């Protein structure tokens, strides 16, 4: 889950310009003390057709040991978010289900690092701005796509991809992409290492797209 408002709210919290509602601050304090993690913000979303409550938490760094404790985390969040007296203040953090005869919904969690959150938010605000890159390299780049939370840099041929990876051209293109994202990166977190290490970029070719995936998105992204 990502929206420009969620990103702006997270940035404001990180900078000390906005404080979490006391009910959420208590849960975050428990998370910190119990699991030694630093949560920053949370967003809620309802999936009504499945009677599910989505909870996306942004941490300073990606937690690696929380997935085995989601039952306890769910219990702490549900204890807070379904109290009627908390609904008004929690509305700034998204949509919370109305309980059906006090039956608790299924919880669906998402954990993000602050860096990942900043990157995804900047991509959202950039929109289709990345599409300018092929016009700068008309003889090399067939397309630059964004799908499934990653950029795909398409050269025309496999030979171009291999040569560009080796001679620094790919890094140059990625740095130009970073410069396009920078106006939306108010925390200055987006770097070349982040793009590469977070698997946010794939470098490929039209030749491979056509030869091995029939030139069809439904095959390439399946």
Protein backbone atom coordinates (compact mmCIF):
# COMPACT_ATOMS: atom_id res chain seq x y z
CA UNK A 1 0.00 0.00 0.00
CA UNK A 2 1.37 3.40 -0.92
CA UNK A 3 -0.06 6.87 -1.34
CA UNK A 4 1.50 10.29 -1.50
CA UNK A 5 -0.23 11.20 1.78
CA UNK A 6 1.23 8.11 3.50
CA UNK A 7 4.72 9.13 2.35
CA UNK A 8 4.27 12.76 3.45
CA UNK A 9 2.97 11.62 6.83
CA UNK A 10 5.94 9.26 7.31
CA UNK A 11 8.40 12.03 6.44
CA UNK A 12 6.69 14.40 8.87
CA UNK A 13 6.89 11.81 11.67
CA UNK A 14 10.55 11.11 10.93
CA UNK A 15 11.33 14.84 11.03
CA UNK A 16 9.38 15.31 14.27
CA UNK A 17 6.72 17.49 12.62
CA UNK A 18 3.82 15.12 13.33
CA UNK A 19 3.15 12.86 16.30
CA UNK A 20 1.39 9.53 16.23
CA UNK A 21 -1.92 9.27 18.10
CA UNK A 22 -1.28 8.03 21.66
CA UNK A 23 -2.92 4.66 20.96
CA UNK A 24 -0.52 3.95 18.09
CA UNK A 25 2.44 5.36 20.00
CA UNK A 26 1.75 2.79 22.73
CA UNK A 27 1.75 -0.08 20.22
CA UNK A 28 4.94 1.21 18.60
CA UNK A 29 6.56 1.47 22.04
CA UNK A 30 5.64 -2.15 22.69
CA UNK A 31 7.10 -3.19 19.31
CA UNK A 32 10.33 -1.36 20.09
CA UNK A 33 10.70 -2.74 23.59
CA UNK A 34 9.67 -6.29 22.74
CA UNK A 35 11.35 -6.82 19.37
CA UNK A 36 14.10 -4.15 19.30
CA UNK A 37 12.77 -2.51 16.16
CA UNK A 38 12.06 1.14 15.36
CA UNK A 39 8.62 1.56 13.75
CA UNK A 40 7.90 4.98 12.27
CA UNK A 41 4.43 4.90 10.73
CA UNK A 42 1.53 2.63 9.87
CA UNK A 43 -1.24 2.63 7.29
CA UNK A 44 -4.48 0.66 7.36
CA UNK A 45 -6.55 -0.58 4.47
CA UNK A 46 -9.68 -2.69 4.39
CA UNK A 47 -10.28 -5.57 2.02
CA UNK A 48 -14.00 -5.84 2.54
CA UNK A 49 -14.80 -8.73 0.20
CA UNK A 50 -12.46 -10.94 2.23
CA UNK A 51 -13.18 -9.29 5.59
CA UNK A 52 -9.46 -8.56 5.95
CA UNK A 53 -7.58 -5.72 7.61
CA UNK A 54 -4.32 -4.70 6.00
CA UNK A 55 -1.61 -3.23 8.25
CA UNK A 56 1.51 -1.79 6.62
CA UNK A 57 4.28 -0.72 9.01
CA UNK A 58 7.28 1.41 8.06
CA UNK A 59 10.47 0.81 10.07
CA UNK A 60 13.77 2.68 10.13
CA UNK A 61 15.37 -0.57 8.96
CA UNK A 62 13.72 -3.69 7.62
CA UNK A 63 12.91 -6.06 10.52
CA UNK A 64 14.12 -9.58 9.88
CA UNK A 65 12.63 -11.46 12.82
CA UNK A 66 9.06 -10.17 13.05
CA UNK A 67 7.27 -12.60 10.75
CA UNK A 68 7.23 -15.25 13.45
CA UNK A 69 5.43 -12.89 15.82
CA UNK A 70 2.57 -11.62 13.69
CA UNK A 71 -0.10 -13.21 15.91
CA UNK A 72 1.05 -11.17 18.91
CA UNK A 73 1.44 -8.03 16.78
CA UNK A 74 -2.05 -8.53 15.37
CA UNK A 75 -3.50 -8.84 18.87
CA UNK A 76 -1.87 -5.58 19.99
CA UNK A 77 -3.05 -3.65 16.94
CA UNK A 78 -6.58 -5.08 17.04
CA UNK A 79 -6.84 -4.21 20.72
CA UNK A 80 -6.33 -0.58 19.74
CA UNK A 81 -7.81 -0.01 16.30
CA UNK A 82 -11.24 -1.53 16.93
CA UNK A 83 -11.95 0.62 19.97
CA UNK A 84 -14.62 3.10 18.98
CA UNK A 85 -12.96 5.93 20.91
CA UNK A 86 -9.81 5.59 18.75
CA UNK A 87 -11.50 5.67 15.34
CA UNK A 88 -11.42 9.44 14.84
CA UNK A 89 -7.70 9.82 15.50
CA UNK A 90 -6.77 6.69 13.55
CA UNK A 91 -8.68 7.87 10.48
CA UNK A 92 -5.57 9.82 9.43
CA UNK A 93 -3.80 6.48 9.00
CA UNK A 94 -6.30 4.81 6.67
CA UNK A 95 -9.41 2.70 6.70
CA UNK A 96 -10.38 0.36 9.50
CA UNK A 97 -13.09 -2.29 9.23
CA UNK A 98 -16.32 -2.19 11.14
CA UNK A 99 -16.50 -5.45 13.04
CA UNK A 100 -19.20 -7.95 12.15
CA UNK A 101 -20.76 -9.17 15.39
CA UNK A 102 -17.39 -8.69 17.12
CA UNK A 103 -15.79 -11.26 14.82
CA UNK A 104 -12.18 -10.27 14.22
CA UNK A 105 -11.03 -10.09 10.60
CA UNK A 106 -7.99 -11.69 9.06
CA UNK A 107 -4.87 -9.54 9.39
CA UNK A 108 -2.63 -8.95 6.37
CA UNK A 109 0.76 -7.43 7.19
CA UNK A 110 3.30 -5.53 5.15
CA UNK A 111 6.68 -4.44 6.50
CA UNK A 112 8.75 -1.77 4.76
CA UNK A 113 12.03 -0.08 5.53
CA UNK A 114 12.13 3.71 5.46
CA UNK A 115 14.39 3.54 2.41
CA UNK A 116 11.98 1.28 0.53
CA UNK A 117 9.07 3.48 1.55
CA UNK A 118 10.86 6.61 0.31
CA UNK A 119 11.72 4.91 -2.97
CA UNK A 120 8.19 3.65 -3.64
CA UNK A 121 6.71 7.00 -2.68
CA UNK A 122 9.10 8.89 -4.95
CA UNK A 123 8.26 6.55 -7.83
CA UNK A 124 4.56 7.24 -7.23
CA UNK A 125 5.12 11.00 -7.32
CA UNK A 126 7.38 10.76 -10.38
CA UNK A 127 4.58 9.11 -12.33
CA UNK A 128 5.73 8.47 -15.90
CA UNK A 129 8.72 10.78 -15.64
CA UNK A 130 11.11 7.85 -16.12
CA UNK A 131 9.86 7.48 -19.70
CA UNK A 132 12.16 10.35 -20.71
CA UNK A 133 15.22 8.10 -20.43
CA UNK A 134 14.85 6.25 -23.78
CA UNK A 135 14.74 9.63 -25.54
CA UNK A 136 18.20 10.36 -24.13
CA UNK A 137 19.61 7.08 -25.44
CA UNK A 138 17.61 6.45 -28.62
CA UNK A 139 20.14 4.01 -30.07
CA UNK A 140 20.50 1.98 -26.86
CA UNK A 141 17.24 1.96 -24.91
CA UNK A 142 14.07 0.44 -26.26
CA UNK A 143 12.00 1.15 -23.15
CA UNK A 144 12.06 1.86 -19.42
CA UNK A 145 9.12 0.37 -17.56
CA UNK A 146 7.95 0.38 -13.96
CA UNK A 147 6.02 -2.69 -12.84
CA UNK A 148 5.83 -4.97 -9.82
CA UNK A 149 7.78 -2.46 -7.68
CA UNK A 150 10.80 -2.39 -9.95
CA UNK A 151 12.16 -0.50 -12.93
CA UNK A 152 13.01 -2.55 -16.02
CA UNK A 153 15.68 -1.04 -18.25
CA UNK A 154 15.30 -2.55 -21.74
CA UNK A 155 18.18 -2.26 -24.19
CA UNK A 156 17.48 -3.23 -27.78
CA UNK A 157 19.88 -6.18 -27.86
CA UNK A 158 21.61 -8.53 -25.44
CA UNK A 159 24.97 -7.37 -26.79
CA UNK A 160 24.11 -3.77 -25.88
CA UNK A 161 23.04 -4.86 -22.40
CA UNK A 162 26.26 -6.77 -21.77
CA UNK A 163 28.48 -3.98 -23.11
CA UNK A 164 26.60 -1.28 -21.20
CA UNK A 165 26.80 -3.22 -17.94
CA UNK A 166 30.56 -3.51 -18.44
CA UNK A 167 31.43 0.02 -19.58
CA UNK A 168 29.46 1.96 -16.97
CA UNK A 169 26.60 3.08 -19.21
CA UNK A 170 24.00 1.21 -17.16
CA UNK A 171 25.20 2.88 -13.95
CA UNK A 172 25.05 6.25 -15.74
CA UNK A 173 21.45 5.60 -16.77
CA UNK A 174 20.52 4.52 -13.24
CA UNK A 175 22.09 7.67 -11.81
CA UNK A 176 20.00 9.73 -14.23
CA UNK A 177 16.94 7.84 -12.97
CA UNK A 178 17.94 8.74 -9.40
CA UNK A 179 18.16 12.40 -10.39
CA UNK A 180 14.60 12.18 -11.72
CA UNK A 181 13.47 10.77 -8.36
CA UNK A 182 15.45 13.19 -6.18
CA UNK A 183 12.92 16.08 -6.19
CA UNK A 184 10.50 13.73 -4.39
CA UNK A 185 13.09 12.23 -2.01
CA UNK A 186 12.90 14.73 0.84
CA UNK A 187 14.91 12.48 3.18
CA UNK A 188 17.71 12.01 0.61
CA UNK A 189 17.66 8.22 0.92
CA UNK A 190 17.63 7.05 -2.70
CA UNK A 191 21.03 5.88 -3.91
CA UNK A 192 22.42 3.60 -6.60
CA UNK A 193 23.14 0.96 -3.96
CA UNK A 194 19.52 1.11 -2.78
CA UNK A 195 18.17 0.62 -6.29
CA UNK A 196 20.43 -2.37 -6.91
CA UNK A 197 20.42 -4.04 -3.48
CA UNK A 198 16.65 -3.75 -2.99
CA UNK A 199 16.00 -5.48 -6.34
CA UNK A 200 14.26 -2.34 -7.55
CA UNK A 201 15.92 -2.50 -10.98
CA UNK A 202 16.13 -5.18 -13.65
CA UNK A 203 18.29 -4.70 -16.73
CA UNK A 204 17.08 -6.60 -19.78
CA UNK A 205 16.71 -6.36 -23.54
CA UNK A 206 13.98 -6.26 -26.14
CA UNK A 207 15.75 -9.19 -27.74
CA UNK A 208 15.18 -11.32 -24.64
CA UNK A 209 11.62 -9.97 -24.21
CA UNK A 210 10.73 -11.02 -27.75
CA UNK A 211 12.67 -14.28 -27.91
CA UNK A 212 11.78 -15.81 -24.55
CA UNK A 213 8.46 -14.15 -23.69
CA UNK A 214 6.85 -13.75 -27.09
CA UNK A 215 6.93 -9.97 -26.76
CA UNK A 216 3.97 -10.23 -24.36
CA UNK A 217 3.65 -8.52 -20.98
CA UNK A 218 1.42 -11.29 -19.58
CA UNK A 219 4.22 -13.79 -20.11
CA UNK A 220 7.04 -11.51 -18.97
CA UNK A 221 5.37 -10.43 -15.72
CA UNK A 222 3.69 -13.71 -14.77
